[in-house]
Amino acid sequence: LCCPACFTMFALDTKRDMNRCEFYVAMFVINCKVDEEVSKMEELLEDGFEIDEYRPLWKVYCSNCHVHVAFKDQEGLYHFFCALPSSA
């Protein structure tokens, strides 16, 4: 996966989200910065996340251009909603 703004690489081993085909999930990432503040429910809904129950999520930004590209969950998985697949 790559940043849609500056094409910086984020992850080599990703899986497409089974529920939302435009989302990707990765466990090991590079060139990402995690915001330590837990995201608010309104922010998650604005970014297209469908939430069944509240769980803490942290915003993830491109470390090069600072675009918001993903959320990190409490299990350590990164959910990318704004990234370009490298093999497209």
PDB file of N, CA and C in Angstrom:
ATOM      1  N   LEU A   1       0.838  -1.189   0.000  1.00  0.00           N
ATOM      2  CA  LEU A   1       0.000   0.000   0.000  1.00  0.00           C
ATOM      3  C   LEU A   1       0.871   1.236   0.000  1.00  0.00           C
ATOM      4  N   CYS A   2       0.361   2.270  -0.657  1.00  0.00           N
ATOM      5  CA  CYS A   2       1.093   3.535  -0.759  1.00  0.00           C
ATOM      6  C   CYS A   2       0.177   4.699  -0.390  1.00  0.00           C
ATOM      7  N   CYS A   3       0.792   5.790   0.016  1.00  0.00           N
ATOM      8  CA  CYS A   3       0.060   7.020   0.319  1.00  0.00           C
ATOM      9  C   CYS A   3      -0.517   7.586  -0.982  1.00  0.00           C
ATOM     10  N   PRO A   4      -1.784   8.009  -0.983  1.00  0.00           N
ATOM     11  CA  PRO A   4      -2.376   8.565  -2.198  1.00  0.00           C
ATOM     12  C   PRO A   4      -1.866   9.968  -2.526  1.00  0.00           C
ATOM     13  N   ALA A   5      -1.246  10.632  -1.568  1.00  0.00           N
ATOM     14  CA  ALA A   5      -0.765  11.996  -1.799  1.00  0.00           C
ATOM     15  C   ALA A   5       0.696  12.048  -2.238  1.00  0.00           C
ATOM     16  N   CYS A   6       1.562  11.237  -1.598  1.00  0.00           N
ATOM     17  CA  CYS A   6       2.999  11.335  -1.900  1.00  0.00           C
ATOM     18  C   CYS A   6       3.605  10.004  -2.355  1.00  0.00           C
ATOM     19  N   PHE A   7       2.809   8.930  -2.413  1.00  0.00           N
ATOM     20  CA  PHE A   7       3.223   7.599  -2.871  1.00  0.00           C
ATOM     21  C   PHE A   7       4.274   6.927  -1.984  1.00  0.00           C
ATOM     22  N   THR A   8       4.355   7.337  -0.727  1.00  0.00           N
ATOM     23  CA  THR A   8       5.235   6.676   0.232  1.00  0.00           C
ATOM     24  C   THR A   8       4.653   5.309   0.569  1.00  0.00           C
ATOM     25  N   MET A   9       5.486   4.287   0.609  1.00  0.00           N
ATOM     26  CA  MET A   9       5.014   2.928   0.885  1.00  0.00           C
ATOM     27  C   MET A   9       4.677   2.760   2.363  1.00  0.00           C
ATOM     28  N   PHE A  10       3.557   2.052   2.632  1.00  0.00           N
ATOM     29  CA  PHE A  10       3.115   1.775   3.992  1.00  0.00           C
ATOM     30  C   PHE A  10       3.297   0.325   4.396  1.00  0.00           C
ATOM     31  N   ALA A  11       2.952  -0.593   3.512  1.00  0.00           N
ATOM     32  CA  ALA A  11       2.977  -2.013   3.881  1.00  0.00           C
ATOM     33  C   ALA A  11       3.134  -2.875   2.640  1.00  0.00           C
ATOM     34  N   LEU A  12       3.808  -4.005   2.827  1.00  0.00           N
ATOM     35  CA  LEU A  12       3.988  -4.952   1.732  1.00  0.00           C
ATOM     36  C   LEU A  12       3.005  -6.121   1.822  1.00  0.00           C
ATOM     37  N   ASP A  13       2.653  -6.502   3.022  1.00  0.00           N
ATOM     38  CA  ASP A  13       1.771  -7.652   3.234  1.00  0.00           C
ATOM     39  C   ASP A  13       0.446  -7.159   3.805  1.00  0.00           C
ATOM     40  N   THR A  14      -0.573  -7.057   2.957  1.00  0.00           N
ATOM     41  CA  THR A  14      -1.883  -6.573   3.386  1.00  0.00           C
ATOM     42  C   THR A  14      -2.968  -7.539   2.932  1.00  0.00           C
ATOM     43  N   LYS A  15      -4.125  -7.383   3.549  1.00  0.00           N
ATOM     44  CA  LYS A  15      -5.299  -8.153   3.137  1.00  0.00           C
ATOM     45  C   LYS A  15      -6.450  -7.187   2.942  1.00  0.00           C
ATOM     46  N   ARG A  16      -7.246  -7.456   1.937  1.00  0.00           N
ATOM     47  CA  ARG A  16      -8.426  -6.643   1.693  1.00  0.00           C
ATOM     48  C   ARG A  16      -9.471  -6.980   2.753  1.00  0.00           C
ATOM     49  N   ASP A  17     -10.102  -5.951   3.299  1.00  0.00           N
ATOM     50  CA  ASP A  17     -11.149  -6.132   4.299  1.00  0.00           C
ATOM     51  C   ASP A  17     -12.312  -6.894   3.670  1.00  0.00           C
ATOM     52  N   MET A  18     -12.800  -7.919   4.352  1.00  0.00           N
ATOM     53  CA  MET A  18     -13.859  -8.757   3.794  1.00  0.00           C
ATOM     54  C   MET A  18     -15.200  -8.032   3.702  1.00  0.00           C
ATOM     55  N   ASN A  19     -15.434  -7.068   4.583  1.00  0.00           N
ATOM     56  CA  ASN A  19     -16.707  -6.347   4.593  1.00  0.00           C
ATOM     57  C   ASN A  19     -16.701  -5.119   3.686  1.00  0.00           C
ATOM     58  N   ARG A  20     -15.540  -4.487   3.538  1.00  0.00           N
ATOM     59  CA  ARG A  20     -15.442  -3.271   2.731  1.00  0.00           C
ATOM     60  C   ARG A  20     -14.250  -3.422   1.801  1.00  0.00           C
ATOM     61  N   CYS A  21     -14.511  -3.614   0.531  1.00  0.00           N
ATOM     62  CA  CYS A  21     -13.437  -3.937  -0.412  1.00  0.00           C
ATOM     63  C   CYS A  21     -12.462  -2.790  -0.635  1.00  0.00           C
ATOM     64  N   GLU A  22     -12.831  -1.554  -0.295  1.00  0.00           N
ATOM     65  CA  GLU A  22     -11.895  -0.444  -0.469  1.00  0.00           C
ATOM     66  C   GLU A  22     -10.979  -0.248   0.748  1.00  0.00           C
ATOM     67  N   PHE A  23     -11.160  -1.069   1.788  1.00  0.00           N
ATOM     68  CA  PHE A  23     -10.333  -1.010   2.987  1.00  0.00           C
ATOM     69  C   PHE A  23      -9.303  -2.142   2.944  1.00  0.00           C
ATOM     70  N   TYR A  24      -8.133  -1.872   3.514  1.00  0.00           N
ATOM     71  CA  TYR A  24      -7.071  -2.879   3.607  1.00  0.00           C
ATOM     72  C   TYR A  24      -6.621  -2.988   5.059  1.00  0.00           C
ATOM     73  N   VAL A  25      -6.202  -4.179   5.457  1.00  0.00           N
ATOM     74  CA  VAL A  25      -5.737  -4.427   6.822  1.00  0.00           C
ATOM     75  C   VAL A  25      -4.293  -4.900   6.770  1.00  0.00           C
ATOM     76  N   ALA A  26      -3.472  -4.341   7.665  1.00  0.00           N
ATOM     77  CA  ALA A  26      -2.059  -4.727   7.746  1.00  0.00           C
ATOM     78  C   ALA A  26      -1.651  -4.814   9.208  1.00  0.00           C
ATOM     79  N   MET A  27      -0.672  -5.666   9.471  1.00  0.00           N
ATOM     80  CA  MET A  27      -0.173  -5.800  10.827  1.00  0.00           C
ATOM     81  C   MET A  27       1.171  -5.076  10.976  1.00  0.00           C
ATOM     82  N   PHE A  28       1.998  -5.148   9.957  1.00  0.00           N
ATOM     83  CA  PHE A  28       3.324  -4.536  10.000  1.00  0.00           C
ATOM     84  C   PHE A  28       3.376  -3.408   8.978  1.00  0.00           C
ATOM     85  N   VAL A  29       3.647  -2.198   9.448  1.00  0.00           N
ATOM     86  CA  VAL A  29       3.657  -1.037   8.565  1.00  0.00           C
ATOM     87  C   VAL A  29       4.955  -0.249   8.727  1.00  0.00           C
ATOM     88  N   ILE A  30       5.237   0.568   7.729  1.00  0.00           N
ATOM     89  CA  ILE A  30       6.373   1.492   7.772  1.00  0.00           C
ATOM     90  C   ILE A  30       5.872   2.863   7.346  1.00  0.00           C
ATOM     91  N   ASN A  31       6.619   3.875   7.668  1.00  0.00           N
ATOM     92  CA  ASN A  31       6.329   5.254   7.255  1.00  0.00           C
ATOM     93  C   ASN A  31       4.966   5.745   7.728  1.00  0.00           C
ATOM     94  N   CYS A  32       4.556   5.291   8.905  1.00  0.00           N
ATOM     95  CA  CYS A  32       3.287   5.714   9.492  1.00  0.00           C
ATOM     96  C   CYS A  32       3.528   6.272  10.888  1.00  0.00           C
ATOM     97  N   LYS A  33       2.712   7.259  11.252  1.00  0.00           N
ATOM     98  CA  LYS A  33       2.774   7.842  12.594  1.00  0.00           C
ATOM     99  C   LYS A  33       1.403   7.697  13.233  1.00  0.00           C
ATOM    100  N   VAL A  34       1.369   7.107  14.431  1.00  0.00           N
ATOM    101  CA  VAL A  34       0.109   6.879  15.151  1.00  0.00           C
ATOM    102  C   VAL A  34      -0.125   8.025  16.119  1.00  0.00           C
ATOM    103  N   ASP A  35      -1.317   8.622  16.053  1.00  0.00           N
ATOM    104  CA  ASP A  35      -1.727   9.654  17.003  1.00  0.00           C
ATOM    105  C   ASP A  35      -2.103   8.952  18.300  1.00  0.00           C
ATOM    106  N   GLU A  36      -1.542   9.382  19.400  1.00  0.00           N
ATOM    107  CA  GLU A  36      -1.759   8.709  20.690  1.00  0.00           C
ATOM    108  C   GLU A  36      -3.128   8.993  21.301  1.00  0.00           C
ATOM    109  N   GLU A  37      -3.870   9.936  20.751  1.00  0.00           N
ATOM    110  CA  GLU A  37      -5.181  10.281  21.276  1.00  0.00           C
ATOM    111  C   GLU A  37      -6.250   9.377  20.654  1.00  0.00           C
ATOM    112  N   VAL A  38      -7.122   8.814  21.474  1.00  0.00           N
ATOM    113  CA  VAL A  38      -8.185   7.937  20.973  1.00  0.00           C
ATOM    114  C   VAL A  38      -9.159   8.768  20.153  1.00  0.00           C
ATOM    115  N   SER A  39      -9.550   8.242  18.991  1.00  0.00           N
ATOM    116  CA  SER A  39     -10.455   8.961  18.096  1.00  0.00           C
ATOM    117  C   SER A  39     -11.869   8.994  18.643  1.00  0.00           C
ATOM    118  N   LYS A  40     -12.568  10.073  18.325  1.00  0.00           N
ATOM    119  CA  LYS A  40     -13.960  10.221  18.735  1.00  0.00           C
ATOM    120  C   LYS A  40     -14.869   9.495  17.756  1.00  0.00           C
ATOM    121  N   MET A  41     -16.017   9.068  18.218  1.00  0.00           N
ATOM    122  CA  MET A  41     -16.977   8.332  17.409  1.00  0.00           C
ATOM    123  C   MET A  41     -17.365   9.109  16.148  1.00  0.00           C
ATOM    124  N   GLU A  42     -17.554  10.428  16.243  1.00  0.00           N
ATOM    125  CA  GLU A  42     -17.963  11.238  15.097  1.00  0.00           C
ATOM    126  C   GLU A  42     -16.899  11.214  13.992  1.00  0.00           C
ATOM    127  N   GLU A  43     -15.632  11.259  14.390  1.00  0.00           N
ATOM    128  CA  GLU A  43     -14.539  11.224  13.418  1.00  0.00           C
ATOM    129  C   GLU A  43     -14.524   9.897  12.664  1.00  0.00           C
ATOM    130  N   LEU A  44     -14.788   8.815  13.360  1.00  0.00           N
ATOM    131  CA  LEU A  44     -14.785   7.503  12.732  1.00  0.00           C
ATOM    132  C   LEU A  44     -15.907   7.385  11.712  1.00  0.00           C
ATOM    133  N   LEU A  45     -17.079   7.879  12.049  1.00  0.00           N
ATOM    134  CA  LEU A  45     -18.213   7.818  11.133  1.00  0.00           C
ATOM    135  C   LEU A  45     -17.972   8.692   9.903  1.00  0.00           C
ATOM    136  N   GLU A  46     -17.343   9.855  10.085  1.00  0.00           N
ATOM    137  CA  GLU A  46     -17.020  10.743   8.963  1.00  0.00           C
ATOM    138  C   GLU A  46     -16.057  10.072   7.998  1.00  0.00           C
ATOM    139  N   ASP A  47     -15.152   9.237   8.510  1.00  0.00           N
ATOM    140  CA  ASP A  47     -14.158   8.572   7.673  1.00  0.00           C
ATOM    141  C   ASP A  47     -14.671   7.266   7.077  1.00  0.00           C
ATOM    142  N   GLY A  48     -15.937   6.954   7.270  1.00  0.00           N
ATOM    143  CA  GLY A  48     -16.525   5.783   6.632  1.00  0.00           C
ATOM    144  C   GLY A  48     -16.466   4.506   7.431  1.00  0.00           C
ATOM    145  N   PHE A  49     -16.052   4.566   8.678  1.00  0.00           N
ATOM    146  CA  PHE A  49     -16.005   3.372   9.504  1.00  0.00           C
ATOM    147  C   PHE A  49     -17.398   3.047   9.999  1.00  0.00           C
ATOM    148  N   GLU A  50     -17.831   1.809   9.806  1.00  0.00           N
ATOM    149  CA  GLU A  50     -19.092   1.346  10.373  1.00  0.00           C
ATOM    150  C   GLU A  50     -18.765   0.703  11.706  1.00  0.00           C
ATOM    151  N   ILE A  51     -19.372   1.215  12.754  1.00  0.00           N
ATOM    152  CA  ILE A  51     -19.013   0.762  14.096  1.00  0.00           C
ATOM    153  C   ILE A  51     -20.175   0.004  14.716  1.00  0.00           C
ATOM    154  N   ASP A  52     -19.939  -1.260  15.053  1.00  0.00           N
ATOM    155  CA  ASP A  52     -20.947  -2.065  15.716  1.00  0.00           C
ATOM    156  C   ASP A  52     -20.958  -1.777  17.218  1.00  0.00           C
ATOM    157  N   GLU A  53     -19.807  -1.638  17.767  1.00  0.00           N
ATOM    158  CA  GLU A  53     -19.676  -1.342  19.186  1.00  0.00           C
ATOM    159  C   GLU A  53     -18.437  -0.476  19.351  1.00  0.00           C
ATOM    160  N   TYR A  54     -18.402   0.288  20.424  1.00  0.00           N
ATOM    161  CA  TYR A  54     -17.248   1.171  20.614  1.00  0.00           C
ATOM    162  C   TYR A  54     -16.014   0.366  20.955  1.00  0.00           C
ATOM    163  N   ARG A  55     -14.959   0.648  20.261  1.00  0.00           N
ATOM    164  CA  ARG A  55     -13.649   0.084  20.576  1.00  0.00           C
ATOM    165  C   ARG A  55     -12.637   1.196  20.316  1.00  0.00           C
ATOM    166  N   PRO A  56     -11.598   1.283  21.115  1.00  0.00           N
ATOM    167  CA  PRO A  56     -10.645   2.369  20.913  1.00  0.00           C
ATOM    168  C   PRO A  56      -9.894   2.224  19.589  1.00  0.00           C
ATOM    169  N   LEU A  57      -9.816   3.302  18.856  1.00  0.00           N
ATOM    170  CA  LEU A  57      -9.075   3.361  17.598  1.00  0.00           C
ATOM    171  C   LEU A  57      -8.222   4.614  17.600  1.00  0.00           C
ATOM    172  N   TRP A  58      -7.035   4.496  17.009  1.00  0.00           N
ATOM    173  CA  TRP A  58      -6.122   5.619  16.930  1.00  0.00           C
ATOM    174  C   TRP A  58      -5.891   5.983  15.467  1.00  0.00           C
ATOM    175  N   LYS A  59      -5.836   7.285  15.191  1.00  0.00           N
ATOM    176  CA  LYS A  59      -5.599   7.748  13.826  1.00  0.00           C
ATOM    177  C   LYS A  59      -4.151   7.464  13.424  1.00  0.00           C
ATOM    178  N   VAL A  60      -3.968   7.122  12.160  1.00  0.00           N
ATOM    179  CA  VAL A  60      -2.640   6.851  11.603  1.00  0.00           C
ATOM    180  C   VAL A  60      -2.429   7.798  10.424  1.00  0.00           C
ATOM    181  N   TYR A  61      -1.265   8.439  10.402  1.00  0.00           N
ATOM    182  CA  TYR A  61      -0.924   9.413   9.373  1.00  0.00           C
ATOM    183  C   TYR A  61       0.307   8.971   8.592  1.00  0.00           C
ATOM    184  N   CYS A  62       0.405   9.411   7.364  1.00  0.00           N
ATOM    185  CA  CYS A  62       1.627   9.227   6.579  1.00  0.00           C
ATOM    186  C   CYS A  62       2.727  10.048   7.246  1.00  0.00           C
ATOM    187  N   SER A  63       3.859   9.439   7.515  1.00  0.00           N
ATOM    188  CA  SER A  63       4.940  10.154   8.195  1.00  0.00           C
ATOM    189  C   SER A  63       5.633  11.149   7.268  1.00  0.00           C
ATOM    190  N   ASN A  64       5.389  11.048   5.978  1.00  0.00           N
ATOM    191  CA  ASN A  64       6.015  11.958   5.021  1.00  0.00           C
ATOM    192  C   ASN A  64       5.174  13.221   4.781  1.00  0.00           C
ATOM    193  N   CYS A  65       3.879  13.046   4.473  1.00  0.00           N
ATOM    194  CA  CYS A  65       3.046  14.211   4.123  1.00  0.00           C
ATOM    195  C   CYS A  65       1.915  14.459   5.123  1.00  0.00           C
ATOM    196  N   HIS A  66       1.776  13.618   6.132  1.00  0.00           N
ATOM    197  CA  HIS A  66       0.823  13.789   7.243  1.00  0.00           C
ATOM    198  C   HIS A  66      -0.647  13.666   6.847  1.00  0.00           C
ATOM    199  N   VAL A  67      -0.960  12.937   5.794  1.00  0.00           N
ATOM    200  CA  VAL A  67      -2.340  12.662   5.410  1.00  0.00           C
ATOM    201  C   VAL A  67      -2.880  11.544   6.305  1.00  0.00           C
ATOM    202  N   HIS A  68      -4.122  11.685   6.750  1.00  0.00           N
ATOM    203  CA  HIS A  68      -4.768  10.651   7.568  1.00  0.00           C
ATOM    204  C   HIS A  68      -5.124   9.490   6.646  1.00  0.00           C
ATOM    205  N   VAL A  69      -4.527   8.320   6.887  1.00  0.00           N
ATOM    206  CA  VAL A  69      -4.680   7.191   5.961  1.00  0.00           C
ATOM    207  C   VAL A  69      -5.289   5.944   6.583  1.00  0.00           C
ATOM    208  N   ALA A  70      -5.296   5.844   7.911  1.00  0.00           N
ATOM    209  CA  ALA A  70      -5.741   4.598   8.537  1.00  0.00           C
ATOM    210  C   ALA A  70      -6.113   4.819   9.994  1.00  0.00           C
ATOM    211  N   PHE A  71      -6.611   3.732  10.585  1.00  0.00           N
ATOM    212  CA  PHE A  71      -6.822   3.665  12.029  1.00  0.00           C
ATOM    213  C   PHE A  71      -6.102   2.426  12.543  1.00  0.00           C
ATOM    214  N   LYS A  72      -5.597   2.512  13.767  1.00  0.00           N
ATOM    215  CA  LYS A  72      -4.984   1.357  14.427  1.00  0.00           C
ATOM    216  C   LYS A  72      -5.922   0.927  15.541  1.00  0.00           C
ATOM    217  N   ASP A  73      -6.220  -0.386  15.604  1.00  0.00           N
ATOM    218  CA  ASP A  73      -7.117  -0.867  16.647  1.00  0.00           C
ATOM    219  C   ASP A  73      -6.331  -1.393  17.837  1.00  0.00           C
ATOM    220  N   GLN A  74      -7.036  -1.834  18.859  1.00  0.00           N
ATOM    221  CA  GLN A  74      -6.385  -2.284  20.099  1.00  0.00           C
ATOM    222  C   GLN A  74      -5.629  -3.584  19.931  1.00  0.00           C
ATOM    223  N   GLU A  75      -5.892  -4.334  18.860  1.00  0.00           N
ATOM    224  CA  GLU A  75      -5.140  -5.563  18.584  1.00  0.00           C
ATOM    225  C   GLU A  75      -3.851  -5.285  17.809  1.00  0.00           C
ATOM    226  N   GLY A  76      -3.627  -4.041  17.425  1.00  0.00           N
ATOM    227  CA  GLY A  76      -2.424  -3.689  16.684  1.00  0.00           C
ATOM    228  C   GLY A  76      -2.572  -3.790  15.176  1.00  0.00           C
ATOM    229  N   LEU A  77      -3.798  -3.966  14.688  1.00  0.00           N
ATOM    230  CA  LEU A  77      -4.034  -4.026  13.251  1.00  0.00           C
ATOM    231  C   LEU A  77      -4.286  -2.621  12.710  1.00  0.00           C
ATOM    232  N   TYR A  78      -3.760  -2.379  11.532  1.00  0.00           N
ATOM    233  CA  TYR A  78      -3.940  -1.095  10.862  1.00  0.00           C
ATOM    234  C   TYR A  78      -5.008  -1.261   9.791  1.00  0.00           C
ATOM    235  N   HIS A  79      -6.029  -0.426   9.829  1.00  0.00           N
ATOM    236  CA  HIS A  79      -7.140  -0.466   8.886  1.00  0.00           C
ATOM    237  C   HIS A  79      -7.005   0.743   7.961  1.00  0.00           C
ATOM    238  N   PHE A  80      -6.506   0.503   6.754  1.00  0.00           N
ATOM    239  CA  PHE A  80      -6.284   1.573   5.791  1.00  0.00           C
ATOM    240  C   PHE A  80      -7.540   1.829   4.981  1.00  0.00           C
ATOM    241  N   PHE A  81      -7.980   3.072   4.952  1.00  0.00           N
ATOM    242  CA  PHE A  81      -9.128   3.452   4.150  1.00  0.00           C
ATOM    243  C   PHE A  81      -8.728   4.448   3.060  1.00  0.00           C
ATOM    244  N   CYS A  82      -7.534   4.987   3.160  1.00  0.00           N
ATOM    245  CA  CYS A  82      -7.059   5.986   2.209  1.00  0.00           C
ATOM    246  C   CYS A  82      -5.645   5.601   1.788  1.00  0.00           C
ATOM    247  N   ALA A  83      -5.555   4.619   0.893  1.00  0.00           N
ATOM    248  CA  ALA A  83      -4.244   4.135   0.428  1.00  0.00           C
ATOM    249  C   ALA A  83      -4.406   3.538  -0.946  1.00  0.00           C
ATOM    250  N   LEU A  84      -3.340   3.560  -1.699  1.00  0.00           N
ATOM    251  CA  LEU A  84      -3.338   2.981  -3.042  1.00  0.00           C
ATOM    252  C   LEU A  84      -2.704   1.592  -3.004  1.00  0.00           C
ATOM    253  N   PRO A  85      -3.381   0.599  -3.549  1.00  0.00           N
ATOM    254  CA  PRO A  85      -2.760  -0.731  -3.609  1.00  0.00           C
ATOM    255  C   PRO A  85      -1.597  -0.723  -4.581  1.00  0.00           C
ATOM    256  N   SER A  86      -0.495  -1.332  -4.216  1.00  0.00           N
ATOM    257  CA  SER A  86       0.711  -1.326  -5.033  1.00  0.00           C
ATOM    258  C   SER A  86       0.580  -2.196  -6.272  1.00  0.00           C
ATOM    259  N   SER A  87      -0.287  -3.180  -6.243  1.00  0.00           N
ATOM    260  CA  SER A  87      -0.411  -4.103  -7.357  1.00  0.00           C
ATOM    261  C   SER A  87      -1.575  -3.795  -8.284  1.00  0.00           C
ATOM    262  N   ALA A  88      -2.156  -2.616  -8.147  1.00  0.00           N
ATOM    263  CA  ALA A  88      -3.351  -2.273  -8.938  1.00  0.00           C
ATOM    264  C   ALA A  88      -3.022  -2.050 -10.396  1.00  0.00           C
TER     265      ALA A  88
END
